[in-house]
Protein backbone atom coordinates (compact mmCIF):
# COMPACT_ATOMS: atom_id res chain seq x y z
CA UNK A 1 -20.93 133.02 38.70
CA UNK A 2 -18.51 133.00 41.68
CA UNK A 3 -19.81 129.64 42.93
CA UNK A 4 -19.51 128.04 39.51
CA UNK A 5 -15.99 129.39 39.04
CA UNK A 6 -15.05 127.94 42.42
CA UNK A 7 -16.38 124.53 41.44
CA UNK A 8 -14.54 124.59 38.12
CA UNK A 9 -11.33 125.66 39.86
CA UNK A 10 -11.72 122.88 42.42
CA UNK A 11 -12.26 120.35 39.64
CA UNK A 12 -9.16 121.64 37.82
CA UNK A 13 -7.03 121.37 40.96
CA UNK A 14 -8.39 117.89 41.59
CA UNK A 15 -7.34 116.76 38.14
CA UNK A 16 -3.92 118.38 38.41
CA UNK A 17 -3.22 116.90 41.83
CA UNK A 18 -4.56 113.39 41.34
CA UNK A 19 -4.32 112.62 37.62
CA UNK A 20 -1.24 110.68 36.49
CA UNK A 21 1.48 112.68 34.78
CA UNK A 22 1.01 110.73 31.55
CA UNK A 23 -2.65 111.74 31.46
CA UNK A 24 -1.81 115.41 31.94
CA UNK A 25 0.81 115.29 29.19
CA UNK A 26 -1.71 113.66 26.87
CA UNK A 27 -4.42 116.24 27.54
CA UNK A 28 -3.99 117.96 24.17
CA UNK A 29 -4.14 114.76 22.06
CA UNK A 30 -7.13 113.60 24.10
CA UNK A 31 -8.82 116.96 23.53
CA UNK A 32 -8.30 116.62 19.78
CA UNK A 33 -9.86 113.14 19.86
CA UNK A 34 -12.78 114.49 21.90
CA UNK A 35 -13.21 117.36 19.46
CA UNK A 36 -13.42 115.02 16.46
CA UNK A 37 -15.74 112.65 18.34
CA UNK A 38 -17.94 115.53 19.50
CA UNK A 39 -18.33 116.92 16.01
CA UNK A 40 -19.09 113.46 14.64
CA UNK A 41 -21.71 112.77 17.32
CA UNK A 42 -23.25 116.21 16.82
CA UNK A 43 -23.68 115.65 13.10
CA UNK A 44 -24.18 111.90 12.59
CA UNK A 45 -24.97 110.65 16.09
CA UNK A 46 -28.68 110.06 15.56
CA UNK A 47 -28.26 108.64 12.07
CA UNK A 48 -25.58 106.11 13.05
CA UNK A 49 -26.83 105.34 16.55
CA UNK A 50 -28.29 101.91 15.73
CA UNK A 51 -25.14 100.90 13.87
CA UNK A 52 -22.99 102.08 16.77
CA UNK A 53 -25.03 100.28 19.42
CA UNK A 54 -25.12 97.07 17.39
CA UNK A 55 -21.38 97.26 16.76
CA UNK A 56 -20.72 97.75 20.46
CA UNK A 57 -22.79 94.68 21.30
CA UNK A 58 -21.02 92.66 18.61
CA UNK A 59 -17.64 93.55 20.13
CA UNK A 60 -18.95 92.75 23.60
CA UNK A 61 -20.24 89.41 22.37
CA UNK A 62 -16.91 88.58 20.75
CA UNK A 63 -15.03 89.38 23.96
CA UNK A 64 -17.50 87.32 25.98
CA UNK A 65 -17.11 84.44 23.55
CA UNK A 66 -13.33 84.59 23.92
CA UNK A 67 -13.63 84.42 27.71
CA UNK A 68 -16.14 81.58 27.38
CA UNK A 69 -13.75 79.63 25.15
CA UNK A 70 -10.86 79.98 27.61
CA UNK A 71 -13.04 79.07 30.58
CA UNK A 72 -14.57 75.89 29.10
CA UNK A 73 -11.83 74.89 26.62
CA UNK A 74 -13.98 75.25 23.51
CA UNK A 75 -12.90 76.30 20.04
CA UNK A 76 -12.09 80.06 20.27
CA UNK A 77 -13.18 80.94 16.74
CA UNK A 78 -16.61 79.34 17.09
CA UNK A 79 -17.20 80.92 20.50
CA UNK A 80 -16.12 84.37 19.34
CA UNK A 81 -18.28 84.27 16.21
CA UNK A 82 -21.24 82.78 18.06
CA UNK A 83 -21.00 85.31 20.88
CA UNK A 84 -20.70 88.20 18.45
CA UNK A 85 -23.75 87.00 16.50
CA UNK A 86 -25.99 86.30 19.49
CA UNK A 87 -25.15 89.40 21.49
CA UNK A 88 -25.23 91.54 18.34
CA UNK A 89 -28.78 90.38 17.59
CA UNK A 90 -29.77 91.17 21.17
CA UNK A 91 -28.33 94.68 20.87
CA UNK A 92 -30.06 95.26 17.54
CA UNK A 93 -33.46 94.11 18.77
CA UNK A 94 -33.26 95.99 22.08
CA UNK A 95 -32.04 99.22 20.48
CA UNK A 96 -35.11 101.16 21.60
CA UNK A 97 -34.42 100.20 25.22
CA UNK A 98 -30.82 101.44 25.08
CA UNK A 99 -31.98 104.69 23.51
CA UNK A 100 -34.29 105.09 26.48
CA UNK A 101 -31.46 104.43 28.94
CA UNK A 102 -29.20 106.94 27.21
CA UNK A 103 -31.96 109.53 27.02
CA UNK A 104 -32.70 109.00 30.71
CA UNK A 105 -29.07 109.69 31.65
CA UNK A 106 -28.83 112.78 29.44
CA UNK A 107 -32.22 114.18 30.46
CA UNK A 108 -31.54 113.65 34.17
CA UNK A 109 -28.11 115.27 33.83
CA UNK A 110 -29.65 118.37 32.25
CA UNK A 111 -32.46 118.58 34.81
CA UNK A 112 -30.17 118.02 37.78
CA UNK A 113 -27.61 120.45 36.40
CA UNK A 114 -30.26 123.16 36.14
CA UNK A 115 -31.73 122.37 39.55
CA UNK A 116 -28.30 122.10 41.14
CA UNK A 117 -27.19 125.45 39.74
CA UNK A 118 -30.23 127.15 41.26
CA UNK A 119 -30.57 125.31 44.57
CA UNK A 120 -27.42 123.32 45.40
CA UNK A 121 -24.48 125.40 44.11
CA UNK A 122 -25.01 128.26 46.62
CA UNK A 123 -24.53 125.80 49.48
CA UNK A 124 -21.17 124.72 48.05
CA UNK A 125 -19.67 128.14 48.70
CA UNK A 126 -21.02 128.05 52.26
CA UNK A 127 -19.57 124.56 52.72
CA UNK A 128 -16.12 125.63 51.51
CA UNK A 129 -16.22 128.68 53.77
CA UNK A 130 -17.17 126.54 56.77
CA UNK A 131 -14.32 124.12 56.09
CA UNK A 132 -11.85 127.00 55.88
CA UNK A 133 -13.13 128.47 59.15
CA UNK A 134 -12.79 125.12 60.86
CA UNK A 135 -9.17 124.89 59.71
CA UNK A 136 -8.43 128.38 61.03
CA UNK A 137 -10.08 127.68 64.38
CA UNK A 138 -8.30 124.35 64.80
CA UNK A 139 -5.50 124.67 67.41
CA UNK A 140 -2.02 124.51 65.93
CA UNK A 141 -0.39 121.16 66.65
CA UNK A 142 3.37 121.29 67.08
CA UNK A 143 3.77 117.60 66.30
CA UNK A 144 4.54 116.94 62.69
CA UNK A 145 1.97 114.77 60.88
CA UNK A 146 3.00 111.30 59.94
CA UNK A 147 3.74 110.46 56.28
CA UNK A 148 0.49 108.51 56.15
CA UNK A 149 -1.47 111.54 57.38
CA UNK A 150 0.25 113.81 54.87
CA UNK A 151 -0.51 111.40 52.04
CA UNK A 152 -4.14 111.07 53.19
CA UNK A 153 -4.52 114.85 53.23
CA UNK A 154 -2.96 115.35 49.79
CA UNK A 155 -4.81 112.43 48.18
CA UNK A 156 -8.25 113.15 49.59
CA UNK A 157 -10.88 111.00 47.93
CA UNK A 158 -13.45 113.09 46.00
CA UNK A 159 -16.11 110.68 47.22
CA UNK A 160 -15.35 111.71 50.80
CA UNK A 161 -15.76 115.37 49.87
CA UNK A 162 -19.10 114.60 48.19
CA UNK A 163 -20.33 112.66 51.22
CA UNK A 164 -19.33 115.47 53.57
CA UNK A 165 -21.06 118.04 51.39
CA UNK A 166 -24.21 115.93 51.15
CA UNK A 167 -24.29 115.61 54.95
CA UNK A 168 -23.88 119.37 55.22
CA UNK A 169 -26.67 119.96 52.69
CA UNK A 170 -29.01 117.56 54.48
CA UNK A 171 -28.45 119.36 57.77
CA UNK A 172 -28.62 122.82 56.24
CA UNK A 173 -31.68 122.30 54.01
CA UNK A 174 -33.38 118.92 54.28
CA UNK A 175 -36.04 119.88 51.71
CA UNK A 176 -33.47 120.58 49.00
CA UNK A 177 -31.73 117.27 49.65
CA UNK A 178 -35.02 115.40 49.53
CA UNK A 179 -36.15 117.23 46.40
CA UNK A 180 -32.83 116.42 44.73
CA UNK A 181 -33.37 112.69 45.21
CA UNK A 182 -36.99 112.84 44.09
CA UNK A 183 -36.20 114.97 41.04
CA UNK A 184 -33.39 112.63 40.02
CA UNK A 185 -35.74 109.63 40.08
CA UNK A 186 -38.49 111.45 38.17
CA UNK A 187 -36.01 112.76 35.57
CA UNK A 188 -34.56 109.30 34.97
CA UNK A 189 -38.01 107.76 34.59
CA UNK A 190 -39.20 110.56 32.30
CA UNK A 191 -36.12 110.35 30.12
CA UNK A 192 -36.47 106.58 29.83
CA UNK A 193 -40.11 106.91 28.80
CA UNK A 194 -39.41 109.62 26.24
CA UNK A 195 -36.46 107.68 24.81
CA UNK A 196 -38.56 104.56 24.29
CA UNK A 197 -41.62 106.34 22.90
CA UNK A 198 -39.94 108.99 20.72
CA UNK A 199 -36.73 107.27 19.61
CA UNK A 200 -35.80 109.63 16.79
CA UNK A 201 -36.24 112.85 18.73
CA UNK A 202 -34.62 111.38 21.82
CA UNK A 203 -31.59 110.44 19.73
CA UNK A 204 -31.38 113.86 18.11
CA UNK A 205 -31.60 115.77 21.37
CA UNK A 206 -29.36 113.43 23.38
CA UNK A 207 -26.57 113.19 20.80
CA UNK A 208 -26.67 116.94 20.19
CA UNK A 209 -26.27 117.64 23.90
CA UNK A 210 -23.49 115.08 24.33
CA UNK A 211 -21.67 116.33 21.24
CA UNK A 212 -21.93 119.93 22.41
CA UNK A 213 -20.47 119.04 25.80
CA UNK A 214 -17.59 117.10 24.20
CA UNK A 215 -16.77 119.90 21.77
CA UNK A 216 -16.95 122.55 24.49
CA UNK A 217 -14.68 120.54 26.81
CA UNK A 218 -12.20 119.89 24.01
CA UNK A 219 -12.09 123.52 22.91
CA UNK A 220 -11.65 124.67 26.51
CA UNK A 221 -8.75 122.25 27.00
CA UNK A 222 -7.06 123.32 23.77
CA UNK A 223 -7.46 127.01 24.57
CA UNK A 224 -6.16 126.53 28.10
CA UNK A 225 -3.09 124.73 26.80
CA UNK A 226 -2.32 127.05 23.88
CA UNK A 227 -3.75 130.40 25.07
CA UNK A 228 -3.84 130.46 28.91
CA UNK A 229 -5.15 134.04 28.90
CA UNK A 230 -8.37 132.84 27.27
CA UNK A 231 -9.63 131.38 30.58
CA UNK A 232 -9.62 134.77 32.25
CA UNK A 233 -11.20 136.35 29.16
CA UNK A 234 -14.08 133.87 29.21
CA UNK A 235 -14.53 134.32 32.97
CA UNK A 236 -14.86 138.06 32.43
CA UNK A 237 -17.41 137.43 29.65
CA UNK A 238 -19.32 134.26 30.61
CA UNK A 239 -22.08 135.11 28.14
CA UNK A 240 -19.76 134.22 25.27
CA UNK A 241 -19.60 130.63 26.46
CA UNK A 242 -23.38 130.38 26.58
CA UNK A 243 -23.76 131.92 23.13
CA UNK A 244 -21.17 129.60 21.64
CA UNK A 245 -22.64 126.47 23.20
CA UNK A 246 -26.18 127.51 22.29
CA UNK A 247 -25.25 128.21 18.68
CA UNK A 248 -23.45 124.89 18.31
CA UNK A 249 -26.34 123.02 19.94
CA UNK A 250 -28.95 124.60 17.66
CA UNK A 251 -26.81 123.87 14.60
CA UNK A 252 -26.46 120.25 15.67
CA UNK A 253 -30.20 119.89 16.24
CA UNK A 254 -31.02 121.32 12.79
CA UNK A 255 -28.42 119.19 10.97
CA UNK A 256 -29.42 115.96 12.67
CA UNK A 257 -33.10 116.62 12.11
CA UNK A 258 -32.42 117.01 8.39
CA UNK A 259 -30.01 114.08 8.11
CA UNK A 260 -32.13 111.61 10.10
CA UNK A 261 -35.30 112.42 8.19
CA UNK A 262 -36.57 109.57 6.05
CA UNK A 263 -36.52 110.08 2.32
CA UNK A 264 -39.87 110.23 0.48
CA UNK A 265 -39.18 106.90 -1.23
CA UNK A 266 -38.36 105.21 2.09
CA UNK A 267 -41.50 106.62 3.69
CA UNK A 268 -43.60 105.40 0.78
CA UNK A 269 -42.10 101.92 1.02
CA UNK A 270 -42.76 101.72 4.77
CA UNK A 271 -46.32 102.89 4.23
CA UNK A 272 -46.92 100.28 1.53
CA UNK A 273 -45.60 97.52 3.79
CA UNK A 274 -48.12 98.51 6.42
């Protein structure tokens, strides 16, 4: 767990150093919103998914219609209503496709998270150690760095760190880097296929996973803000986090399976229409 703790600590420092002060002050309200959204997605995500996707496309169509009206000097009301209607119908009819896209993202995230924990995370500790050794071995320069160099060092782009680590991983273990790319592609394609073929189960699993992650992140933020000692307690007992997340995930799966199940009357009506 030392490598994982190092990654989490690095992510925390990155947020503290680079996030705006207003965002940090609003962490608790944002965590409360995430908690409510996570619980809602975990319970009603699969049942209300089509309504949510259609509503999102309706809003997107209305915004596009407003831009269209300003660009071509047409009546705003007609363009907004027409855009909302047309794009909303597209979203409703292509719902299965968007379920597949969402399932592909969730499934690939789970697969790559598992693979990365087993094969990639150990190299992160080696990479950090190598960077520290390079800093120690670098001759001390008596010239003070320029303000631009100081700002560049403090505000290091996370993308640069990721590129440097990927280069290190490719040199250190080319097979792992190649397998990571291949597994990502296969996981995305598999998730897309499963989402399109088994829409209901893909929705249940994907929304349960997303809701569990949101709730866990929100609870962790609230505990860190209100009870700072809880972080150390959970680090000393990492199994508690797994048990809590697993219990919440199983509860979400059971609830959504029951709530998204068709009623006997609805099943009979669909069978008679066939």
